[in-house]
Amino acid sequence: MTINISLPAEMEARVREHVASGLYGSASEVVREALRLFESYQSVRASTLVALRTDLEQGLLDRQSGRVAPMDMTTLKAEGRARKSHNAA
């Protein structure tokens, strides 16, 4: 299959640089690798979103059931700063 694509000059230069480096034999190889990486990234992103939604649902359930309490951010910051200064000493 043959597909002709247009790339902005900056992207075309990057493709040419990859071919010139010797890592790829042609622009087609660069584009194929880029698509494989993109698909892999999309898969990881989808898995991450599923995990995030699961964590959010669990957090909401924990809150509804009373397993968590409101946080006092001023106290939390003070404790963090105290730990930081203690570890730095």
N, C-alpha and C. Protein backbone atom coordinates (compact mmCIF):
# COMPACT_ATOMS: atom_id res chain seq x y z
N MET A 1 0.84 -1.18 0.00
CA MET A 1 0.00 0.00 0.00
C MET A 1 0.89 1.24 0.00
N THR A 2 0.52 2.20 -0.77
CA THR A 2 1.27 3.45 -0.83
C THR A 2 0.36 4.58 -0.39
N ILE A 3 0.86 5.38 0.53
CA ILE A 3 0.14 6.56 1.00
C ILE A 3 1.10 7.74 0.96
N ASN A 4 0.67 8.80 0.38
CA ASN A 4 1.47 10.02 0.39
C ASN A 4 0.95 10.92 1.50
N ILE A 5 1.85 11.44 2.31
CA ILE A 5 1.44 12.33 3.39
C ILE A 5 2.23 13.63 3.29
N SER A 6 1.62 14.67 3.81
CA SER A 6 2.30 15.96 3.88
C SER A 6 2.65 16.24 5.32
N LEU A 7 3.87 16.67 5.54
CA LEU A 7 4.32 17.00 6.89
C LEU A 7 4.79 18.44 6.92
N PRO A 8 4.62 19.09 8.05
CA PRO A 8 5.22 20.42 8.18
C PRO A 8 6.74 20.29 8.03
N ALA A 9 7.39 21.36 7.60
CA ALA A 9 8.83 21.33 7.33
C ALA A 9 9.62 20.82 8.53
N GLU A 10 9.23 21.22 9.72
CA GLU A 10 9.95 20.79 10.93
C GLU A 10 9.89 19.27 11.11
N MET A 11 8.70 18.69 10.90
CA MET A 11 8.56 17.24 11.04
C MET A 11 9.29 16.51 9.92
N GLU A 12 9.23 17.06 8.72
CA GLU A 12 9.94 16.44 7.60
C GLU A 12 11.44 16.42 7.89
N ALA A 13 11.95 17.50 8.44
CA ALA A 13 13.38 17.54 8.78
C ALA A 13 13.72 16.49 9.82
N ARG A 14 12.84 16.29 10.77
CA ARG A 14 13.10 15.27 11.80
C ARG A 14 13.10 13.87 11.20
N VAL A 15 12.19 13.61 10.28
CA VAL A 15 12.16 12.31 9.61
C VAL A 15 13.46 12.11 8.84
N ARG A 16 13.87 13.12 8.11
CA ARG A 16 15.12 13.03 7.34
C ARG A 16 16.33 12.81 8.26
N GLU A 17 16.33 13.46 9.41
CA GLU A 17 17.43 13.27 10.37
C GLU A 17 17.48 11.83 10.87
N HIS A 18 16.32 11.24 11.13
CA HIS A 18 16.29 9.85 11.59
C HIS A 18 16.83 8.91 10.52
N VAL A 19 16.45 9.15 9.27
CA VAL A 19 16.95 8.31 8.18
C VAL A 19 18.45 8.51 8.03
N ALA A 20 18.90 9.76 8.08
CA ALA A 20 20.33 10.07 7.93
C ALA A 20 21.17 9.46 9.05
N SER A 21 20.55 9.27 10.22
CA SER A 21 21.30 8.70 11.35
C SER A 21 21.67 7.23 11.11
N GLY A 22 20.99 6.60 10.16
CA GLY A 22 21.26 5.20 9.87
C GLY A 22 20.40 4.24 10.67
N LEU A 23 19.62 4.76 11.61
CA LEU A 23 18.75 3.89 12.40
C LEU A 23 17.56 3.38 11.59
N TYR A 24 17.19 4.12 10.57
CA TYR A 24 16.06 3.75 9.72
C TYR A 24 16.52 3.79 8.27
N GLY A 25 15.99 2.87 7.48
CA GLY A 25 16.38 2.80 6.08
C GLY A 25 15.58 3.72 5.18
N SER A 26 14.43 4.17 5.67
CA SER A 26 13.57 5.02 4.84
C SER A 26 12.63 5.85 5.72
N ALA A 27 12.02 6.83 5.08
CA ALA A 27 11.02 7.64 5.79
C ALA A 27 9.85 6.76 6.22
N SER A 28 9.52 5.77 5.40
CA SER A 28 8.41 4.87 5.74
C SER A 28 8.69 4.14 7.05
N GLU A 29 9.92 3.70 7.25
CA GLU A 29 10.28 3.02 8.50
C GLU A 29 10.12 3.95 9.70
N VAL A 30 10.50 5.21 9.52
CA VAL A 30 10.36 6.19 10.61
C VAL A 30 8.89 6.36 10.96
N VAL A 31 8.05 6.50 9.95
CA VAL A 31 6.61 6.69 10.19
C VAL A 31 6.00 5.44 10.81
N ARG A 32 6.38 4.26 10.34
CA ARG A 32 5.85 3.01 10.94
C ARG A 32 6.21 2.93 12.41
N GLU A 33 7.48 3.24 12.74
CA GLU A 33 7.91 3.20 14.14
C GLU A 33 7.15 4.23 14.97
N ALA A 34 6.95 5.40 14.41
CA ALA A 34 6.20 6.45 15.12
C ALA A 34 4.77 5.98 15.40
N LEU A 35 4.15 5.33 14.44
CA LEU A 35 2.79 4.82 14.64
C LEU A 35 2.76 3.72 15.70
N ARG A 36 3.75 2.84 15.68
CA ARG A 36 3.81 1.79 16.72
C ARG A 36 3.94 2.41 18.11
N LEU A 37 4.81 3.41 18.21
CA LEU A 37 4.99 4.08 19.50
C LEU A 37 3.73 4.80 19.93
N PHE A 38 3.05 5.44 18.99
CA PHE A 38 1.80 6.15 19.28
C PHE A 38 0.75 5.17 19.78
N GLU A 39 0.62 4.03 19.12
CA GLU A 39 -0.36 3.03 19.55
C GLU A 39 -0.03 2.49 20.94
N SER A 40 1.24 2.29 21.21
CA SER A 40 1.66 1.84 22.53
C SER A 40 1.31 2.89 23.58
N TYR A 41 1.59 4.15 23.27
CA TYR A 41 1.27 5.25 24.17
C TYR A 41 -0.23 5.31 24.44
N GLN A 42 -1.05 5.14 23.39
CA GLN A 42 -2.50 5.18 23.56
C GLN A 42 -2.98 4.05 24.47
N SER A 43 -2.35 2.89 24.33
CA SER A 43 -2.72 1.75 25.17
C SER A 43 -2.40 2.03 26.64
N VAL A 44 -1.21 2.56 26.89
CA VAL A 44 -0.80 2.89 28.26
C VAL A 44 -1.72 3.97 28.82
N ARG A 45 -2.03 4.96 28.00
CA ARG A 45 -2.90 6.06 28.43
C ARG A 45 -4.29 5.53 28.81
N ALA A 46 -4.83 4.63 28.00
CA ALA A 46 -6.14 4.05 28.28
C ALA A 46 -6.11 3.27 29.59
N SER A 47 -5.05 2.49 29.81
CA SER A 47 -4.92 1.72 31.05
C SER A 47 -4.82 2.65 32.25
N THR A 48 -4.07 3.74 32.08
CA THR A 48 -3.91 4.71 33.17
C THR A 48 -5.24 5.37 33.50
N LEU A 49 -6.03 5.69 32.49
CA LEU A 49 -7.33 6.31 32.74
C LEU A 49 -8.27 5.35 33.47
N VAL A 50 -8.22 4.08 33.10
CA VAL A 50 -9.05 3.08 33.79
C VAL A 50 -8.64 3.01 35.27
N ALA A 51 -7.34 2.97 35.53
CA ALA A 51 -6.85 2.91 36.91
C ALA A 51 -7.24 4.17 37.67
N LEU A 52 -7.14 5.32 37.04
CA LEU A 52 -7.50 6.57 37.69
C LEU A 52 -8.99 6.60 38.04
N ARG A 53 -9.82 6.18 37.09
CA ARG A 53 -11.27 6.14 37.37
C ARG A 53 -11.59 5.19 38.51
N THR A 54 -10.91 4.05 38.54
CA THR A 54 -11.11 3.09 39.62
C THR A 54 -10.72 3.70 40.96
N ASP A 55 -9.57 4.38 41.00
CA ASP A 55 -9.13 5.03 42.23
C ASP A 55 -10.10 6.13 42.67
N LEU A 56 -10.62 6.89 41.71
CA LEU A 56 -11.58 7.94 42.05
C LEU A 56 -12.87 7.34 42.61
N GLU A 57 -13.35 6.29 41.98
CA GLU A 57 -14.55 5.63 42.48
C GLU A 57 -14.33 5.11 43.90
N GLN A 58 -13.17 4.50 44.14
CA GLN A 58 -12.87 3.99 45.48
C GLN A 58 -12.81 5.13 46.49
N GLY A 59 -12.21 6.24 46.10
CA GLY A 59 -12.14 7.39 46.98
C GLY A 59 -13.51 7.93 47.33
N LEU A 60 -14.38 8.00 46.35
CA LEU A 60 -15.74 8.46 46.62
C LEU A 60 -16.49 7.50 47.53
N LEU A 61 -16.30 6.20 47.30
CA LEU A 61 -16.93 5.21 48.18
C LEU A 61 -16.39 5.31 49.60
N ASP A 62 -15.07 5.51 49.73
CA ASP A 62 -14.47 5.67 51.06
C ASP A 62 -15.04 6.89 51.76
N ARG A 63 -15.22 7.96 51.03
CA ARG A 63 -15.76 9.19 51.62
C ARG A 63 -17.21 8.97 52.05
N GLN A 64 -18.00 8.33 51.19
CA GLN A 64 -19.41 8.09 51.52
C GLN A 64 -19.56 7.18 52.73
N SER A 65 -18.65 6.24 52.89
CA SER A 65 -18.75 5.29 54.00
C SER A 65 -18.11 5.81 55.28
N GLY A 66 -17.48 6.99 55.22
CA GLY A 66 -16.89 7.56 56.42
C GLY A 66 -15.50 7.04 56.74
N ARG A 67 -14.84 6.37 55.79
CA ARG A 67 -13.50 5.84 56.05
C ARG A 67 -12.41 6.90 55.93
N VAL A 68 -12.77 8.08 55.49
CA VAL A 68 -11.81 9.17 55.38
C VAL A 68 -12.36 10.40 56.11
N ALA A 69 -11.46 11.25 56.53
CA ALA A 69 -11.86 12.47 57.24
C ALA A 69 -11.31 13.68 56.49
N PRO A 70 -11.93 14.82 56.66
CA PRO A 70 -11.40 16.04 56.02
C PRO A 70 -9.98 16.31 56.52
N MET A 71 -9.16 16.91 55.62
CA MET A 71 -7.78 17.23 55.99
C MET A 71 -7.66 18.70 56.31
N ASP A 72 -6.84 18.99 57.28
CA ASP A 72 -6.50 20.37 57.61
C ASP A 72 -5.19 20.66 56.89
N MET A 73 -5.27 21.40 55.79
CA MET A 73 -4.10 21.64 54.96
C MET A 73 -3.02 22.43 55.68
N THR A 74 -3.39 23.32 56.56
CA THR A 74 -2.40 24.10 57.31
C THR A 74 -1.56 23.17 58.18
N THR A 75 -2.22 22.25 58.87
CA THR A 75 -1.51 21.29 59.71
C THR A 75 -0.66 20.35 58.86
N LEU A 76 -1.21 19.90 57.75
CA LEU A 76 -0.49 19.00 56.86
C LEU A 76 0.79 19.66 56.34
N LYS A 77 0.69 20.93 55.93
CA LYS A 77 1.88 21.65 55.44
C LYS A 77 2.91 21.82 56.55
N ALA A 78 2.45 22.15 57.74
CA ALA A 78 3.37 22.34 58.86
C ALA A 78 4.10 21.03 59.17
N GLU A 79 3.39 19.91 59.14
CA GLU A 79 4.02 18.62 59.41
C GLU A 79 5.05 18.29 58.32
N GLY A 80 4.72 18.57 57.07
CA GLY A 80 5.64 18.31 55.97
C GLY A 80 6.90 19.15 56.08
N ARG A 81 6.71 20.42 56.42
CA ARG A 81 7.88 21.31 56.57
C ARG A 81 8.74 20.86 57.74
N ALA A 82 8.12 20.41 58.81
CA ALA A 82 8.87 19.95 59.98
C ALA A 82 9.69 18.70 59.61
N ARG A 83 9.08 17.77 58.86
CA ARG A 83 9.79 16.57 58.43
C ARG A 83 10.96 16.94 57.50
N LYS A 84 10.70 17.87 56.61
CA LYS A 84 11.74 18.28 55.67
C LYS A 84 12.93 18.88 56.40
N SER A 85 12.66 19.77 57.35
CA SER A 85 13.77 20.40 58.08
C SER A 85 14.47 19.39 58.98
N HIS A 86 13.74 18.40 59.51
CA HIS A 86 14.35 17.37 60.35
C HIS A 86 15.27 16.47 59.51
N ASN A 87 14.82 16.12 58.27
CA ASN A 87 15.62 15.27 57.38
C ASN A 87 16.83 16.02 56.83
N ALA A 88 16.75 17.32 56.70
CA ALA A 88 17.85 18.11 56.16
C ALA A 88 18.96 18.26 57.21
N ALA A 89 18.60 18.13 58.47
CA ALA A 89 19.59 18.33 59.54
C ALA A 89 20.49 17.15 59.72
